[in-house]
PDB file of N, CA and C in Angstrom:
ATOM      1  N   MET A   1       1.143   5.023  -3.799  1.00  0.00           N
ATOM      2  CA  MET A   1       1.795   3.941  -4.766  1.00  0.00           C
ATOM      3  C   MET A   1       1.998   4.341  -6.215  1.00  0.00           C
ATOM      4  N   THR A   2       2.964   4.859  -6.523  1.00  0.00           N
ATOM      5  CA  THR A   2       3.033   4.919  -7.982  1.00  0.00           C
ATOM      6  C   THR A   2       2.850   3.383  -8.862  1.00  0.00           C
ATOM      7  N   LYS A   3       2.012   3.120  -9.791  1.00  0.00           N
ATOM      8  CA  LYS A   3       2.746   1.843 -10.662  1.00  0.00           C
ATOM      9  C   LYS A   3       2.492   2.313 -12.122  1.00  0.00           C
ATOM     10  N   ASN A   4       3.720   1.454 -12.356  1.00  0.00           N
ATOM     11  CA  ASN A   4       4.068   1.418 -13.862  1.00  0.00           C
ATOM     12  C   ASN A   4       4.150   0.330 -14.816  1.00  0.00           C
ATOM     13  N   VAL A   5       3.387  -0.511 -15.521  1.00  0.00           N
ATOM     14  CA  VAL A   5       3.647  -1.709 -16.243  1.00  0.00           C
ATOM     15  C   VAL A   5       4.187  -0.994 -17.646  1.00  0.00           C
ATOM     16  N   SER A   6       5.117  -2.160 -17.788  1.00  0.00           N
ATOM     17  CA  SER A   6       5.635  -1.747 -19.437  1.00  0.00           C
ATOM     18  C   SER A   6       5.741  -2.975 -19.612  1.00  0.00           C
ATOM     19  N   ALA A   7       5.447  -3.310 -21.333  1.00  0.00           N
ATOM     20  CA  ALA A   7       5.968  -5.088 -21.927  1.00  0.00           C
ATOM     21  C   ALA A   7       6.407  -4.367 -23.196  1.00  0.00           C
ATOM     22  N   SER A   8       7.041  -5.680 -23.298  1.00  0.00           N
ATOM     23  CA  SER A   8       7.954  -5.936 -24.441  1.00  0.00           C
ATOM     24  C   SER A   8       7.289  -6.067 -26.033  1.00  0.00           C
ATOM     25  N   PHE A   9       6.049  -6.177 -25.457  1.00  0.00           N
ATOM     26  CA  PHE A   9       5.140  -6.830 -26.617  1.00  0.00           C
ATOM     27  C   PHE A   9       3.695  -5.850 -26.284  1.00  0.00           C
ATOM     28  N   GLU A  10       2.732  -6.483 -27.621  1.00  0.00           N
ATOM     29  CA  GLU A  10       1.399  -5.517 -27.098  1.00  0.00           C
ATOM     30  C   GLU A  10       0.561  -6.465 -25.712  1.00  0.00           C
ATOM     31  N   LEU A  11      -0.043  -5.759 -24.711  1.00  0.00           N
ATOM     32  CA  LEU A  11      -0.802  -6.848 -24.091  1.00  0.00           C
ATOM     33  C   LEU A  11      -2.033  -6.973 -24.231  1.00  0.00           C
ATOM     34  N   GLU A  12      -2.425  -7.742 -24.056  1.00  0.00           N
ATOM     35  CA  GLU A  12      -3.710  -8.032 -24.007  1.00  0.00           C
ATOM     36  C   GLU A  12      -4.695  -7.130 -22.979  1.00  0.00           C
ATOM     37  N   LYS A  13      -5.986  -7.191 -23.659  1.00  0.00           N
ATOM     38  CA  LYS A  13      -6.856  -6.522 -22.491  1.00  0.00           C
ATOM     39  C   LYS A  13      -6.719  -7.333 -21.176  1.00  0.00           C
ATOM     40  N   LYS A  14      -6.936  -8.619 -21.414  1.00  0.00           N
ATOM     41  CA  LYS A  14      -7.310  -9.640 -20.581  1.00  0.00           C
ATOM     42  C   LYS A  14      -5.545  -9.519 -19.380  1.00  0.00           C
ATOM     43  N   GLN A  15      -4.665  -9.423 -19.959  1.00  0.00           N
ATOM     44  CA  GLN A  15      -3.637  -9.838 -19.635  1.00  0.00           C
ATOM     45  C   GLN A  15      -3.223  -8.138 -18.478  1.00  0.00           C
ATOM     46  N   SER A  16      -3.675  -7.323 -19.011  1.00  0.00           N
ATOM     47  CA  SER A  16      -3.586  -6.140 -18.361  1.00  0.00           C
ATOM     48  C   SER A  16      -4.008  -6.035 -17.063  1.00  0.00           C
ATOM     49  N   GLU A  17      -5.681  -6.613 -17.535  1.00  0.00           N
ATOM     50  CA  GLU A  17      -6.834  -6.685 -16.069  1.00  0.00           C
ATOM     51  C   GLU A  17      -5.829  -7.680 -15.149  1.00  0.00           C
ATOM     52  N   LEU A  18      -5.439  -9.034 -15.553  1.00  0.00           N
ATOM     53  CA  LEU A  18      -4.866  -9.782 -14.906  1.00  0.00           C
ATOM     54  C   LEU A  18      -3.832  -9.310 -13.624  1.00  0.00           C
ATOM     55  N   ILE A  19      -2.675  -8.552 -14.373  1.00  0.00           N
ATOM     56  CA  ILE A  19      -1.770  -7.759 -13.735  1.00  0.00           C
ATOM     57  C   ILE A  19      -2.603  -7.144 -12.644  1.00  0.00           C
ATOM     58  N   GLU A  20      -2.960  -6.191 -13.021  1.00  0.00           N
ATOM     59  CA  GLU A  20      -3.860  -5.117 -12.316  1.00  0.00           C
ATOM     60  C   GLU A  20      -4.578  -5.601 -11.239  1.00  0.00           C
ATOM     61  N   LYS A  21      -4.926  -6.624 -11.086  1.00  0.00           N
ATOM     62  CA  LYS A  21      -6.460  -7.357  -9.927  1.00  0.00           C
ATOM     63  C   LYS A  21      -4.972  -7.917  -9.066  1.00  0.00           C
ATOM     64  N   LYS A  22      -4.233  -9.023  -9.812  1.00  0.00           N
ATOM     65  CA  LYS A  22      -2.922  -9.670  -8.909  1.00  0.00           C
ATOM     66  C   LYS A  22      -1.813  -8.501  -7.955  1.00  0.00           C
ATOM     67  N   LEU A  23      -1.796  -7.353  -8.519  1.00  0.00           N
ATOM     68  CA  LEU A  23      -0.885  -5.912  -7.860  1.00  0.00           C
ATOM     69  C   LEU A  23      -1.984  -5.826  -6.540  1.00  0.00           C
ATOM     70  N   GLU A  24      -3.529  -6.138  -6.675  1.00  0.00           N
ATOM     71  CA  GLU A  24      -4.348  -5.596  -5.764  1.00  0.00           C
ATOM     72  C   GLU A  24      -3.510  -6.325  -4.000  1.00  0.00           C
ATOM     73  N   ARG A  25      -3.261  -7.553  -4.343  1.00  0.00           N
ATOM     74  CA  ARG A  25      -2.634  -8.650  -3.342  1.00  0.00           C
ATOM     75  C   ARG A  25      -1.532  -7.991  -2.769  1.00  0.00           C
ATOM     76  N   ILE A  26      -1.173  -6.557  -2.958  1.00  0.00           N
ATOM     77  CA  ILE A  26       0.034  -6.055  -2.175  1.00  0.00           C
ATOM     78  C   ILE A  26      -0.789  -4.877  -1.828  1.00  0.00           C
ATOM     79  N   LYS A  27      -1.959  -4.712  -2.089  1.00  0.00           N
ATOM     80  CA  LYS A  27      -2.199  -3.100  -1.685  1.00  0.00           C
ATOM     81  C   LYS A  27      -2.470  -2.618  -0.202  1.00  0.00           C
ATOM     82  N   TYR A  28      -1.868  -3.636   0.293  1.00  0.00           N
ATOM     83  CA  TYR A  28      -1.797  -3.236   2.232  1.00  0.00           C
ATOM     84  C   TYR A  28      -0.515  -2.217   2.032  1.00  0.00           C
ATOM     85  N   ALA A  29       0.528  -2.885   1.370  1.00  0.00           N
ATOM     86  CA  ALA A  29       1.937  -1.963   1.194  1.00  0.00           C
ATOM     87  C   ALA A  29       1.691  -0.514   0.389  1.00  0.00           C
ATOM     88  N   ASP A  30       0.633  -0.126   0.187  1.00  0.00           N
ATOM     89  CA  ASP A  30       0.146   1.451  -0.454  1.00  0.00           C
ATOM     90  C   ASP A  30       1.192   2.758   0.464  1.00  0.00           C
ATOM     91  N   ASP A  31       1.120   2.381   1.544  1.00  0.00           N
ATOM     92  CA  ASP A  31       1.918   3.239   2.548  1.00  0.00           C
ATOM     93  C   ASP A  31       3.363   2.952   2.644  1.00  0.00           C
ATOM     94  N   LEU A  32       4.009   1.783   1.959  1.00  0.00           N
ATOM     95  CA  LEU A  32       5.439   1.465   2.366  1.00  0.00           C
ATOM     96  C   LEU A  32       6.082   1.491   0.880  1.00  0.00           C
ATOM     97  N   ILE A  33       5.152   1.609  -0.057  1.00  0.00           N
ATOM     98  CA  ILE A  33       5.954   1.924  -1.195  1.00  0.00           C
ATOM     99  C   ILE A  33       5.820   3.089  -1.962  1.00  0.00           C
ATOM    100  N   VAL A  34       7.444   3.612  -2.458  1.00  0.00           N
ATOM    101  CA  VAL A  34       6.712   5.054  -3.097  1.00  0.00           C
ATOM    102  C   VAL A  34       6.529   4.619  -4.723  1.00  0.00           C
ATOM    103  N   ASP A  35       6.926   3.814  -5.245  1.00  0.00           N
ATOM    104  CA  ASP A  35       6.570   3.145  -6.686  1.00  0.00           C
ATOM    105  C   ASP A  35       6.860   1.986  -7.048  1.00  0.00           C
ATOM    106  N   LEU A  36       6.219   1.478  -7.611  1.00  0.00           N
ATOM    107  CA  LEU A  36       6.316   0.417  -8.264  1.00  0.00           C
ATOM    108  C   LEU A  36       6.257  -0.123  -9.737  1.00  0.00           C
ATOM    109  N   SER A  37       7.347  -0.810 -10.090  1.00  0.00           N
ATOM    110  CA  SER A  37       7.463  -0.858 -11.587  1.00  0.00           C
ATOM    111  C   SER A  37       7.251  -2.511 -11.991  1.00  0.00           C
ATOM    112  N   VAL A  38       6.644  -2.821 -13.241  1.00  0.00           N
ATOM    113  CA  VAL A  38       6.453  -4.379 -13.592  1.00  0.00           C
ATOM    114  C   VAL A  38       6.877  -3.909 -14.717  1.00  0.00           C
ATOM    115  N   ARG A  39       8.031  -5.155 -15.377  1.00  0.00           N
ATOM    116  CA  ARG A  39       7.949  -4.902 -16.706  1.00  0.00           C
ATOM    117  C   ARG A  39       7.929  -6.427 -17.037  1.00  0.00           C
ATOM    118  N   VAL A  40       7.065  -6.634 -18.227  1.00  0.00           N
ATOM    119  CA  VAL A  40       6.649  -8.100 -18.918  1.00  0.00           C
ATOM    120  C   VAL A  40       7.890  -8.403 -20.088  1.00  0.00           C
ATOM    121  N   LYS A  41       8.300  -9.452 -20.526  1.00  0.00           N
ATOM    122  CA  LYS A  41       9.341  -9.574 -21.727  1.00  0.00           C
ATOM    123  C   LYS A  41       8.816 -10.671 -21.951  1.00  0.00           C
ATOM    124  N   ARG A  42       8.675 -11.187 -22.968  1.00  0.00           N
ATOM    125  CA  ARG A  42       7.869 -12.703 -23.998  1.00  0.00           C
ATOM    126  C   ARG A  42       9.554 -12.795 -25.038  1.00  0.00           C
ATOM    127  N   GLU A  43       9.984 -13.779 -24.259  1.00  0.00           N
ATOM    128  CA  GLU A  43      11.312 -14.603 -24.745  1.00  0.00           C
ATOM    129  C   GLU A  43      10.517 -15.828 -25.397  1.00  0.00           C
ATOM    130  N   LYS A  44      11.108 -17.198 -24.870  1.00  0.00           N
ATOM    131  CA  LYS A  44      10.191 -18.449 -25.163  1.00  0.00           C
ATOM    132  C   LYS A  44       9.734 -18.573 -23.984  1.00  0.00           C
ATOM    133  N   GLU A  45       9.481 -18.095 -23.202  1.00  0.00           N
ATOM    134  CA  GLU A  45       8.634 -17.864 -21.991  1.00  0.00           C
ATOM    135  C   GLU A  45       8.307 -16.236 -21.279  1.00  0.00           C
ATOM    136  N   TYR A  46       7.381 -16.535 -20.526  1.00  0.00           N
ATOM    137  CA  TYR A  46       6.899 -15.011 -20.044  1.00  0.00           C
ATOM    138  C   TYR A  46       7.891 -14.417 -18.726  1.00  0.00           C
ATOM    139  N   ILE A  47       8.873 -13.373 -19.203  1.00  0.00           N
ATOM    140  CA  ILE A  47       9.363 -13.106 -17.635  1.00  0.00           C
ATOM    141  C   ILE A  47       8.990 -11.837 -17.395  1.00  0.00           C
ATOM    142  N   PHE A  48       7.991 -11.833 -16.089  1.00  0.00           N
ATOM    143  CA  PHE A  48       8.055 -10.279 -15.173  1.00  0.00           C
ATOM    144  C   PHE A  48       9.009  -9.677 -13.959  1.00  0.00           C
ATOM    145  N   GLU A  49       9.563  -8.601 -14.403  1.00  0.00           N
ATOM    146  CA  GLU A  49      10.199  -8.365 -13.312  1.00  0.00           C
ATOM    147  C   GLU A  49       9.592  -7.286 -12.457  1.00  0.00           C
ATOM    148  N   ALA A  50       9.802  -7.083 -11.357  1.00  0.00           N
ATOM    149  CA  ALA A  50       9.432  -5.818 -10.442  1.00  0.00           C
ATOM    150  C   ALA A  50      10.415  -5.303  -9.969  1.00  0.00           C
ATOM    151  N   THR A  51      10.024  -4.188  -9.959  1.00  0.00           N
ATOM    152  CA  THR A  51      11.017  -3.499  -8.899  1.00  0.00           C
ATOM    153  C   THR A  51      10.268  -2.310  -8.045  1.00  0.00           C
ATOM    154  N   ALA A  52      10.376  -2.569  -6.786  1.00  0.00           N
ATOM    155  CA  ALA A  52       9.361  -1.429  -5.699  1.00  0.00           C
ATOM    156  C   ALA A  52      10.646  -0.969  -5.033  1.00  0.00           C
ATOM    157  N   ASN A  53      10.705   0.180  -5.149  1.00  0.00           N
ATOM    158  CA  ASN A  53      11.057   1.526  -4.143  1.00  0.00           C
ATOM    159  C   ASN A  53      10.159   1.434  -2.689  1.00  0.00           C
ATOM    160  N   PHE A  54      10.962   1.220  -1.668  1.00  0.00           N
ATOM    161  CA  PHE A  54      10.000   2.156  -0.495  1.00  0.00           C
ATOM    162  C   PHE A  54      10.735   3.073  -0.090  1.00  0.00           C
ATOM    163  N   ARG A  55       9.962   3.798   0.459  1.00  0.00           N
ATOM    164  CA  ARG A  55       9.837   4.730   1.128  1.00  0.00           C
ATOM    165  C   ARG A  55      10.853   5.443   2.277  1.00  0.00           C
ATOM    166  N   TRP A  56      11.754   4.295   2.546  1.00  0.00           N
ATOM    167  CA  TRP A  56      12.455   4.351   3.251  1.00  0.00           C
ATOM    168  C   TRP A  56      13.873   4.220   2.843  1.00  0.00           C
ATOM    169  N   GLY A  57      14.355   4.514   1.390  1.00  0.00           N
ATOM    170  CA  GLY A  57      15.301   3.999   0.418  1.00  0.00           C
ATOM    171  C   GLY A  57      15.665   2.761   0.334  1.00  0.00           C
ATOM    172  N   ALA A  58      14.983   1.662   0.877  1.00  0.00           N
ATOM    173  CA  ALA A  58      15.202  -0.081   0.284  1.00  0.00           C
ATOM    174  C   ALA A  58      14.346   0.256  -1.000  1.00  0.00           C
ATOM    175  N   GLN A  59      14.818  -0.676  -1.811  1.00  0.00           N
ATOM    176  CA  GLN A  59      14.475  -1.542  -2.902  1.00  0.00           C
ATOM    177  C   GLN A  59      14.666  -2.784  -3.027  1.00  0.00           C
ATOM    178  N   ALA A  60      13.511  -3.063  -3.669  1.00  0.00           N
ATOM    179  CA  ALA A  60      13.485  -5.473  -3.789  1.00  0.00           C
ATOM    180  C   ALA A  60      13.241  -4.958  -5.306  1.00  0.00           C
ATOM    181  N   HIS A  61      13.787  -5.678  -5.793  1.00  0.00           N
ATOM    182  CA  HIS A  61      13.543  -5.973  -7.386  1.00  0.00           C
ATOM    183  C   HIS A  61      13.815  -7.856  -7.754  1.00  0.00           C
ATOM    184  N   VAL A  62      12.371  -7.899  -7.955  1.00  0.00           N
ATOM    185  CA  VAL A  62      12.098  -9.503  -8.359  1.00  0.00           C
ATOM    186  C   VAL A  62      11.803  -9.642  -9.763  1.00  0.00           C
ATOM    187  N   SER A  63      11.633 -11.687  -9.992  1.00  0.00           N
ATOM    188  CA  SER A  63      11.237 -11.439 -11.044  1.00  0.00           C
ATOM    189  C   SER A  63      10.580 -13.594 -11.173  1.00  0.00           C
ATOM    190  N   GLY A  64       9.907 -13.682 -12.119  1.00  0.00           N
ATOM    191  CA  GLY A  64       9.362 -15.049 -12.019  1.00  0.00           C
ATOM    192  C   GLY A  64       9.100 -14.885 -13.662  1.00  0.00           C
ATOM    193  N   LYS A  65       9.289 -16.191 -13.906  1.00  0.00           N
ATOM    194  CA  LYS A  65       8.900 -16.842 -15.246  1.00  0.00           C
ATOM    195  C   LYS A  65       8.553 -18.101 -15.574  1.00  0.00           C
ATOM    196  N   ASP A  66       7.834 -18.256 -16.590  1.00  0.00           N
ATOM    197  CA  ASP A  66       7.349 -19.068 -17.061  1.00  0.00           C
ATOM    198  C   ASP A  66       6.173 -19.681 -18.498  1.00  0.00           C
ATOM    199  N   PHE A  67       6.140 -20.496 -19.073  1.00  0.00           N
ATOM    200  CA  PHE A  67       5.461 -20.649 -20.267  1.00  0.00           C
ATOM    201  C   PHE A  67       4.554 -19.964 -20.406  1.00  0.00           C
ATOM    202  N   ASP A  68       3.720 -20.354 -19.031  1.00  0.00           N
ATOM    203  CA  ASP A  68       2.384 -19.566 -19.300  1.00  0.00           C
ATOM    204  C   ASP A  68       2.191 -17.836 -18.301  1.00  0.00           C
ATOM    205  N   PHE A  69       1.647 -17.155 -18.692  1.00  0.00           N
ATOM    206  CA  PHE A  69       1.735 -15.614 -18.486  1.00  0.00           C
ATOM    207  C   PHE A  69       1.214 -15.368 -17.158  1.00  0.00           C
ATOM    208  N   ALA A  70      -0.201 -16.347 -16.658  1.00  0.00           N
ATOM    209  CA  ALA A  70      -0.476 -16.281 -15.461  1.00  0.00           C
ATOM    210  C   ALA A  70       0.256 -17.083 -14.057  1.00  0.00           C
ATOM    211  N   ALA A  71       1.376 -17.755 -14.703  1.00  0.00           N
ATOM    212  CA  ALA A  71       1.926 -18.535 -13.743  1.00  0.00           C
ATOM    213  C   ALA A  71       3.270 -17.717 -13.856  1.00  0.00           C
ATOM    214  N   ALA A  72       3.708 -17.303 -14.673  1.00  0.00           N
ATOM    215  CA  ALA A  72       4.947 -16.269 -14.511  1.00  0.00           C
ATOM    216  C   ALA A  72       4.531 -15.153 -13.504  1.00  0.00           C
ATOM    217  N   LEU A  73       3.156 -14.298 -13.852  1.00  0.00           N
ATOM    218  CA  LEU A  73       2.663 -13.127 -12.713  1.00  0.00           C
ATOM    219  C   LEU A  73       2.703 -13.710 -11.465  1.00  0.00           C
ATOM    220  N   ASN A  74       2.035 -15.129 -11.251  1.00  0.00           N
ATOM    221  CA  ASN A  74       1.745 -15.475  -9.535  1.00  0.00           C
ATOM    222  C   ASN A  74       3.219 -15.770  -9.522  1.00  0.00           C
ATOM    223  N   LYS A  75       4.493 -16.198 -10.065  1.00  0.00           N
ATOM    224  CA  LYS A  75       5.326 -16.395  -9.359  1.00  0.00           C
ATOM    225  C   LYS A  75       6.160 -15.366  -8.776  1.00  0.00           C
ATOM    226  N   MET A  76       6.081 -14.152  -9.831  1.00  0.00           N
ATOM    227  CA  MET A  76       6.673 -13.214  -9.413  1.00  0.00           C
ATOM    228  C   MET A  76       6.117 -12.382  -8.160  1.00  0.00           C
ATOM    229  N   MET A  77       4.643 -12.540  -8.225  1.00  0.00           N
ATOM    230  CA  MET A  77       3.883 -11.804  -7.297  1.00  0.00           C
ATOM    231  C   MET A  77       4.114 -12.717  -5.713  1.00  0.00           C
ATOM    232  N   ASP A  78       4.059 -13.625  -6.065  1.00  0.00           N
ATOM    233  CA  ASP A  78       4.653 -14.778  -4.517  1.00  0.00           C
ATOM    234  C   ASP A  78       5.545 -14.070  -4.293  1.00  0.00           C
ATOM    235  N   ILE A  79       6.594 -13.891  -4.604  1.00  0.00           N
ATOM    236  CA  ILE A  79       8.324 -13.215  -4.352  1.00  0.00           C
ATOM    237  C   ILE A  79       8.214 -12.099  -3.791  1.00  0.00           C
ATOM    238  N   LEU A  80       7.323 -11.091  -4.725  1.00  0.00           N
ATOM    239  CA  LEU A  80       7.305  -9.652  -4.239  1.00  0.00           C
ATOM    240  C   LEU A  80       6.463  -9.649  -2.886  1.00  0.00           C
ATOM    241  N   ASP A  81       5.776  -9.908  -2.699  1.00  0.00           N
ATOM    242  CA  ASP A  81       5.086 -10.205  -1.544  1.00  0.00           C
ATOM    243  C   ASP A  81       5.901 -10.645  -0.287  1.00  0.00           C
ATOM    244  N   VAL A  82       6.733 -11.894  -0.412  1.00  0.00           N
ATOM    245  CA  VAL A  82       7.284 -11.897   0.583  1.00  0.00           C
ATOM    246  C   VAL A  82       8.343 -10.724   1.059  1.00  0.00           C
ATOM    247  N   LYS A  83       8.961 -10.372   0.162  1.00  0.00           N
ATOM    248  CA  LYS A  83      10.045  -9.474   0.077  1.00  0.00           C
ATOM    249  C   LYS A  83       9.316  -8.362   0.758  1.00  0.00           C
ATOM    250  N   ILE A  84       8.429  -7.804   0.529  1.00  0.00           N
ATOM    251  CA  ILE A  84       7.593  -6.762   1.101  1.00  0.00           C
ATOM    252  C   ILE A  84       7.737  -6.693   2.721  1.00  0.00           C
ATOM    253  N   LYS A  85       6.622  -8.275   2.902  1.00  0.00           N
ATOM    254  CA  LYS A  85       6.543  -8.534   4.353  1.00  0.00           C
ATOM    255  C   LYS A  85       7.954  -8.224   5.009  1.00  0.00           C
ATOM    256  N   LYS A  86       8.927  -8.906   4.511  1.00  0.00           N
ATOM    257  CA  LYS A  86      10.204  -8.993   5.224  1.00  0.00           C
ATOM    258  C   LYS A  86      10.643  -7.194   5.430  1.00  0.00           C
ATOM    259  N   GLU A  87      10.590  -6.629   4.271  1.00  0.00           N
ATOM    260  CA  GLU A  87      10.985  -5.348   4.626  1.00  0.00           C
ATOM    261  C   GLU A  87      10.206  -4.332   5.390  1.00  0.00           C
ATOM    262  N   LYS A  88       8.837  -4.949   5.538  1.00  0.00           N
ATOM    263  CA  LYS A  88       7.782  -3.871   6.731  1.00  0.00           C
ATOM    264  C   LYS A  88       8.400  -4.828   7.820  1.00  0.00           C
ATOM    265  N   ASP A  89       8.512  -5.739   7.954  1.00  0.00           N
ATOM    266  CA  ASP A  89       9.094  -6.440   9.345  1.00  0.00           C
ATOM    267  C   ASP A  89      10.583  -5.931  10.071  1.00  0.00           C
ATOM    268  N   LYS A  90      11.507  -5.730   9.232  1.00  0.00           N
ATOM    269  CA  LYS A  90      12.285  -4.779   9.347  1.00  0.00           C
ATOM    270  C   LYS A  90      12.603  -3.761   9.702  1.00  0.00           C
ATOM    271  N   ILE A  91      11.450  -2.724   9.035  1.00  0.00           N
ATOM    272  CA  ILE A  91      11.422  -1.778   9.609  1.00  0.00           C
ATOM    273  C   ILE A  91      10.216  -1.195  10.819  1.00  0.00           C
ATOM    274  N   GLN A  92       9.260  -2.723  11.358  1.00  0.00           N
ATOM    275  CA  GLN A  92       8.811  -2.580  12.377  1.00  0.00           C
ATOM    276  C   GLN A  92       9.709  -2.805  13.978  1.00  0.00           C
ATOM    277  N   GLU A  93      11.072  -3.879  13.418  1.00  0.00           N
ATOM    278  CA  GLU A  93      11.223  -3.976  14.545  1.00  0.00           C
ATOM    279  C   GLU A  93      12.817  -2.840  15.133  1.00  0.00           C
ATOM    280  N   LYS A  94      12.782  -1.795  13.941  1.00  0.00           N
ATOM    281  CA  LYS A  94      13.406  -0.580  14.324  1.00  0.00           C
ATOM    282  C   LYS A  94      12.777   0.523  14.979  1.00  0.00           C
TER     283      LYS A  94
END
């Protein structure tokens, strides 16, 4: 899986490390996802958006926002995890 993380502002080292650590949570899907793109924006709150491209052509786009960096990341990861599991289940049924 190819990962691409981009931000509309300069990420602190600990923020980058936190993103990498949280992405470990979906390591089980490495063989399912071709590439994963994560974008972080900071307006009044942090907005995380992720797009996962699955090897069978499906795509999942999720987002999470919060005034706290870690909380916004966690919200996005929770949704992404559920989407990946749903896609995995769909493929296993076929």
